[in-house]
């Protein structure tokens, strides 16, 4: 039996008997334990990693072994980045991290919509704080490319938000390969207001200023919401070009609930939160295409949102993305998703 079939028929139904957050922690601990057994990490790598020079991407002064990364939110606290790298990812994005530890929103705060192959989450930047993550990053064993996704604490008012991003930037600088400024999560009150032109320009200008003081500056990217209008996307393009940051990640989760297969009453019962997975595929693709075409490809884009197959990834790259990321697809398709996408990309590019 193929592993992907076994995952969908046996492993996933077993996982889905547990609350999403509960099984997430169980899987983390299991992977951590298994990878401590001599030889296990080599076996995992041998099974999942696709080594092919045609998959390499040179971007942000880095060489990505393949274009498929793990999106932020999965390894929030930088607890499993080395081990996750064994599953074939071209890069891992940790976070979102905040200066101080915070519990996030009240549980339950993550919900599955199996009929839609989607998730709703209202985690709320739950993390142990940037300094705790740094201590784990100091013990990094592999050369996996790591992005640091940074945000502000819930209690920090928007007028003081820049200070929170500064603290995270300074703490992480020596331990990550690129930065992502997250102002697009729907789960921290008023955070998305920072996407408005004036506060966003101020924030990104300050990040660029801090970066310019470093001996070897790191690339800074902006993560945006899929719910922006074309006029707002035009503003994003202008801001990116004016502040000269290095790129955009499109997109975060959506607050839109239209065109779902799941019963509306059931969806409403889940409550607020960001929707990810297959319902986001079309919109994320539209945003990437719009940004790429309207900006005349003037900055790199990492495409994320509803990527479950090689075809999804291929379309995202064709729309103008330089790299892609998965999250919900990893949960619904299983750990072989990266291998499968990379193999399909090689076939499609021939």
Foldseek 3Di string as FASTA:
>chain_A
DDPLVCCQPPVLVVLVVDQVVVSLVVVLVVLVVQVVPPPSLVVLLVPAADQDCVQWFCAQNDIQRHQEEADEPSQALQSCQQSLVSLHHSAYEYHQAWAAADQFDDPPAKDDDVQQLKIFGLRGRHYHHLLSSLVNLVVDDDPHAYEYEYFYHLPDDLVCGLVGVVSNCVSCVVRHQAYEYEQAFPNRPPSVVCLDQVNVLVSLLVVLVVQVVDPDGHAYEYEHALPDDLVSLVSVLVSCVVSVGAYYEFYDFYQDDPPDPPDPVVVVVSPGGGMFAQVFLVSLLVSLLSNCVVNVLPHAYEGEGHDQALVSQVSSVVSGHSHYYYHSSCSNSHSSRSVRNRVVVVVVVD
